[in-house]
Amino acid sequence: MGFRLPAIRRASFTARQATSKSEDIPKGYFVVYVGEKQNRFVIPISYLNQPSFQDLLSQAEEEFGYDHPMGGLTIPCNEDVFQHTMSSFKGQ
């Protein structure tokens, strides 16, 4: 029996599309904002169980507390580091 692993999705929306928040997020996913330009990523909820993602969450808590200016979860790291971390989850 096989199963399909969830994939990270990079969201590219116009400002008008970004206003319809919940409609853009599939069930079982959530939004994070990453990098200097605050690029929006839609990632699987299952990633919350990964220790390296939990480390990123701890960094976000230290920097922003629970007040995230973008309305979603803001991850304070370089986008390349984030994508590398997320790509390591694909084989698990």
N, C-alpha and C. Protein backbone atom coordinates (compact mmCIF):
# COMPACT_ATOMS: atom_id res chain seq x y z
N MET A 1 0.84 -1.18 0.00
CA MET A 1 0.00 0.00 0.00
C MET A 1 0.89 1.24 0.00
N GLY A 2 0.69 2.12 -0.92
CA GLY A 2 1.48 3.33 -1.01
C GLY A 2 0.73 4.54 -0.51
N PHE A 3 1.47 5.59 -0.27
CA PHE A 3 0.84 6.84 0.13
C PHE A 3 1.65 7.98 -0.46
N ARG A 4 1.01 9.09 -0.59
CA ARG A 4 1.63 10.27 -1.17
C ARG A 4 2.02 11.23 -0.07
N LEU A 5 3.26 11.66 -0.08
CA LEU A 5 3.72 12.62 0.91
C LEU A 5 3.30 14.03 0.51
N PRO A 6 2.91 14.84 1.47
CA PRO A 6 2.51 16.21 1.14
C PRO A 6 3.72 17.02 0.67
N ALA A 7 3.47 17.98 -0.14
CA ALA A 7 4.54 18.82 -0.68
C ALA A 7 4.36 20.26 -0.23
N ILE A 8 5.45 20.96 -0.13
CA ILE A 8 5.39 22.39 0.20
C ILE A 8 4.95 23.13 -1.06
N ARG A 9 4.16 24.11 -0.89
CA ARG A 9 3.67 24.90 -2.02
C ARG A 9 4.10 26.34 -1.84
N ARG A 10 4.69 26.90 -2.86
CA ARG A 10 5.04 28.31 -2.82
C ARG A 10 3.88 29.06 -3.44
N ALA A 11 3.32 29.93 -2.69
CA ALA A 11 2.16 30.67 -3.15
C ALA A 11 2.62 31.94 -3.85
N SER A 12 2.07 32.19 -4.99
CA SER A 12 2.34 33.46 -5.66
C SER A 12 0.99 34.08 -6.02
N PHE A 13 0.63 35.07 -5.26
CA PHE A 13 -0.66 35.70 -5.42
C PHE A 13 -0.49 37.19 -5.63
N THR A 14 -1.45 37.78 -6.31
CA THR A 14 -1.48 39.23 -6.41
C THR A 14 -2.07 39.76 -5.11
N ALA A 15 -1.97 41.04 -4.90
CA ALA A 15 -2.50 41.64 -3.68
C ALA A 15 -4.00 41.39 -3.55
N ARG A 16 -4.72 41.42 -4.67
CA ARG A 16 -6.15 41.19 -4.63
C ARG A 16 -6.45 39.75 -4.21
N GLN A 17 -5.69 38.78 -4.73
CA GLN A 17 -5.91 37.39 -4.38
C GLN A 17 -5.56 37.12 -2.93
N ALA A 18 -4.58 37.82 -2.39
CA ALA A 18 -4.14 37.59 -1.02
C ALA A 18 -5.20 37.99 0.00
N THR A 19 -6.16 38.82 -0.41
CA THR A 19 -7.19 39.25 0.53
C THR A 19 -8.18 38.13 0.85
N SER A 20 -8.30 37.14 -0.02
CA SER A 20 -9.20 36.02 0.25
C SER A 20 -8.39 34.89 0.89
N LYS A 21 -8.07 35.06 2.15
CA LYS A 21 -7.11 34.21 2.85
C LYS A 21 -7.50 32.75 2.93
N SER A 22 -8.58 32.43 3.54
CA SER A 22 -8.91 31.03 3.79
C SER A 22 -9.24 30.26 2.51
N GLU A 23 -9.68 30.94 1.49
CA GLU A 23 -10.01 30.27 0.23
C GLU A 23 -8.77 29.76 -0.49
N ASP A 24 -7.61 30.34 -0.22
CA ASP A 24 -6.38 29.98 -0.90
C ASP A 24 -5.65 28.82 -0.22
N ILE A 25 -6.10 28.39 0.94
CA ILE A 25 -5.39 27.40 1.73
C ILE A 25 -6.16 26.09 1.72
N PRO A 26 -5.57 25.04 1.14
CA PRO A 26 -6.25 23.75 1.13
C PRO A 26 -6.36 23.17 2.54
N LYS A 27 -7.33 22.31 2.74
CA LYS A 27 -7.50 21.65 4.02
C LYS A 27 -6.23 20.85 4.34
N GLY A 28 -5.77 20.96 5.58
CA GLY A 28 -4.58 20.24 6.00
C GLY A 28 -3.28 21.02 5.79
N TYR A 29 -3.39 22.28 5.40
CA TYR A 29 -2.23 23.14 5.16
C TYR A 29 -2.37 24.42 5.97
N PHE A 30 -1.26 25.14 6.14
CA PHE A 30 -1.31 26.46 6.75
C PHE A 30 -0.26 27.35 6.09
N VAL A 31 -0.35 28.65 6.34
CA VAL A 31 0.49 29.64 5.67
C VAL A 31 1.61 30.09 6.60
N VAL A 32 2.81 30.21 6.03
CA VAL A 32 3.92 30.85 6.73
C VAL A 32 4.52 31.89 5.79
N TYR A 33 5.09 32.93 6.38
CA TYR A 33 5.78 33.98 5.63
C TYR A 33 7.25 33.89 5.99
N VAL A 34 8.11 33.92 4.96
CA VAL A 34 9.53 33.65 5.16
C VAL A 34 10.39 34.67 4.41
N GLY A 35 11.52 35.02 5.01
CA GLY A 35 12.53 35.85 4.35
C GLY A 35 12.26 37.33 4.46
N GLU A 36 13.20 38.09 3.92
CA GLU A 36 13.10 39.55 3.96
C GLU A 36 11.86 40.07 3.24
N LYS A 37 11.53 39.42 2.13
CA LYS A 37 10.38 39.87 1.33
C LYS A 37 9.07 39.26 1.81
N GLN A 38 9.13 38.47 2.89
CA GLN A 38 7.95 37.84 3.46
C GLN A 38 7.18 37.04 2.42
N ASN A 39 7.89 36.17 1.70
CA ASN A 39 7.24 35.31 0.72
C ASN A 39 6.32 34.32 1.42
N ARG A 40 5.20 34.08 0.81
CA ARG A 40 4.14 33.26 1.39
C ARG A 40 4.27 31.81 0.92
N PHE A 41 4.27 30.88 1.88
CA PHE A 41 4.33 29.46 1.59
C PHE A 41 3.15 28.77 2.24
N VAL A 42 2.56 27.83 1.54
CA VAL A 42 1.47 27.01 2.07
C VAL A 42 2.07 25.63 2.31
N ILE A 43 2.12 25.21 3.58
CA ILE A 43 2.79 23.95 3.91
C ILE A 43 1.85 23.01 4.66
N PRO A 44 2.12 21.72 4.60
CA PRO A 44 1.26 20.73 5.26
C PRO A 44 1.34 20.84 6.79
N ILE A 45 0.24 20.65 7.44
CA ILE A 45 0.20 20.68 8.90
C ILE A 45 1.10 19.59 9.50
N SER A 46 1.29 18.49 8.77
CA SER A 46 2.12 17.40 9.27
C SER A 46 3.55 17.85 9.57
N TYR A 47 4.01 18.93 8.94
CA TYR A 47 5.37 19.43 9.19
C TYR A 47 5.53 19.95 10.62
N LEU A 48 4.43 20.25 11.29
CA LEU A 48 4.51 20.73 12.67
C LEU A 48 5.14 19.70 13.61
N ASN A 49 5.12 18.43 13.24
CA ASN A 49 5.70 17.38 14.07
C ASN A 49 7.20 17.22 13.87
N GLN A 50 7.77 17.86 12.87
CA GLN A 50 9.19 17.71 12.56
C GLN A 50 10.04 18.56 13.51
N PRO A 51 11.06 17.95 14.15
CA PRO A 51 11.91 18.71 15.09
C PRO A 51 12.55 19.95 14.47
N SER A 52 13.02 19.88 13.23
CA SER A 52 13.67 21.04 12.63
C SER A 52 12.65 22.16 12.36
N PHE A 53 11.39 21.81 12.06
CA PHE A 53 10.37 22.85 11.89
C PHE A 53 10.01 23.44 13.25
N GLN A 54 10.00 22.62 14.29
CA GLN A 54 9.75 23.12 15.63
C GLN A 54 10.84 24.10 16.06
N ASP A 55 12.08 23.88 15.61
CA ASP A 55 13.16 24.83 15.87
C ASP A 55 12.85 26.18 15.21
N LEU A 56 12.34 26.13 13.98
CA LEU A 56 11.97 27.38 13.30
C LEU A 56 10.84 28.09 14.04
N LEU A 57 9.91 27.32 14.57
CA LEU A 57 8.81 27.91 15.35
C LEU A 57 9.34 28.58 16.61
N SER A 58 10.32 27.97 17.24
CA SER A 58 10.92 28.57 18.44
C SER A 58 11.60 29.89 18.10
N GLN A 59 12.29 29.93 16.95
CA GLN A 59 12.91 31.18 16.51
C GLN A 59 11.85 32.25 16.27
N ALA A 60 10.74 31.86 15.67
CA ALA A 60 9.65 32.81 15.41
C ALA A 60 9.09 33.34 16.72
N GLU A 61 8.93 32.45 17.72
CA GLU A 61 8.41 32.87 19.02
C GLU A 61 9.36 33.84 19.69
N GLU A 62 10.67 33.57 19.62
CA GLU A 62 11.66 34.45 20.23
C GLU A 62 11.66 35.83 19.59
N GLU A 63 11.53 35.87 18.26
CA GLU A 63 11.60 37.16 17.57
C GLU A 63 10.29 37.94 17.60
N PHE A 64 9.17 37.25 17.43
CA PHE A 64 7.89 37.95 17.30
C PHE A 64 6.91 37.71 18.44
N GLY A 65 7.19 36.73 19.30
CA GLY A 65 6.20 36.35 20.29
C GLY A 65 5.01 35.76 19.57
N TYR A 66 3.83 36.14 19.97
CA TYR A 66 2.63 35.63 19.31
C TYR A 66 1.94 36.70 18.48
N ASP A 67 2.64 37.79 18.22
CA ASP A 67 2.11 38.88 17.41
C ASP A 67 2.80 38.84 16.06
N HIS A 68 2.14 38.26 15.08
CA HIS A 68 2.72 38.14 13.74
C HIS A 68 2.13 39.20 12.84
N PRO A 69 2.96 40.13 12.38
CA PRO A 69 2.46 41.29 11.63
C PRO A 69 1.76 40.95 10.32
N MET A 70 2.07 39.81 9.72
CA MET A 70 1.45 39.46 8.44
C MET A 70 0.10 38.77 8.63
N GLY A 71 -0.28 38.49 9.85
CA GLY A 71 -1.53 37.80 10.09
C GLY A 71 -1.37 36.30 10.08
N GLY A 72 -0.33 35.82 9.45
CA GLY A 72 0.02 34.41 9.44
C GLY A 72 1.29 34.21 10.23
N LEU A 73 1.80 33.04 10.23
CA LEU A 73 3.02 32.73 10.96
C LEU A 73 4.23 33.24 10.19
N THR A 74 5.06 34.06 10.83
CA THR A 74 6.25 34.61 10.20
C THR A 74 7.47 33.86 10.70
N ILE A 75 8.23 33.27 9.78
CA ILE A 75 9.43 32.52 10.13
C ILE A 75 10.65 33.41 9.84
N PRO A 76 11.44 33.74 10.86
CA PRO A 76 12.56 34.67 10.69
C PRO A 76 13.84 33.96 10.22
N CYS A 77 13.83 33.48 8.99
CA CYS A 77 15.06 32.89 8.45
C CYS A 77 15.13 33.17 6.96
N ASN A 78 16.28 32.92 6.39
CA ASN A 78 16.50 33.09 4.96
C ASN A 78 15.61 32.11 4.20
N GLU A 79 15.09 32.54 3.08
CA GLU A 79 14.19 31.69 2.30
C GLU A 79 14.89 30.41 1.83
N ASP A 80 16.17 30.50 1.47
CA ASP A 80 16.91 29.31 1.04
C ASP A 80 17.04 28.30 2.17
N VAL A 81 17.30 28.78 3.38
CA VAL A 81 17.39 27.90 4.55
C VAL A 81 16.04 27.22 4.80
N PHE A 82 14.97 27.98 4.70
CA PHE A 82 13.63 27.44 4.89
C PHE A 82 13.34 26.35 3.87
N GLN A 83 13.59 26.62 2.60
CA GLN A 83 13.31 25.64 1.56
C GLN A 83 14.16 24.38 1.73
N HIS A 84 15.41 24.56 2.14
CA HIS A 84 16.27 23.39 2.37
C HIS A 84 15.72 22.55 3.53
N THR A 85 15.29 23.20 4.59
CA THR A 85 14.71 22.49 5.74
C THR A 85 13.45 21.75 5.33
N MET A 86 12.59 22.40 4.56
CA MET A 86 11.35 21.77 4.14
C MET A 86 11.61 20.61 3.18
N SER A 87 12.62 20.73 2.33
CA SER A 87 12.91 19.66 1.39
C SER A 87 13.40 18.39 2.10
N SER A 88 13.96 18.54 3.28
CA SER A 88 14.42 17.37 4.02
C SER A 88 13.25 16.54 4.54
N PHE A 89 12.05 17.09 4.58
CA PHE A 89 10.88 16.37 5.07
C PHE A 89 10.29 15.45 4.01
N LYS A 90 10.61 15.66 2.76
CA LYS A 90 9.98 14.90 1.68
C LYS A 90 10.28 13.41 1.77
N GLY A 91 11.42 13.02 2.30
CA GLY A 91 11.75 11.61 2.40
C GLY A 91 11.29 10.95 3.66
N GLN A 92 10.59 11.68 4.50
CA GLN A 92 10.17 11.12 5.80
C GLN A 92 8.70 10.82 5.82
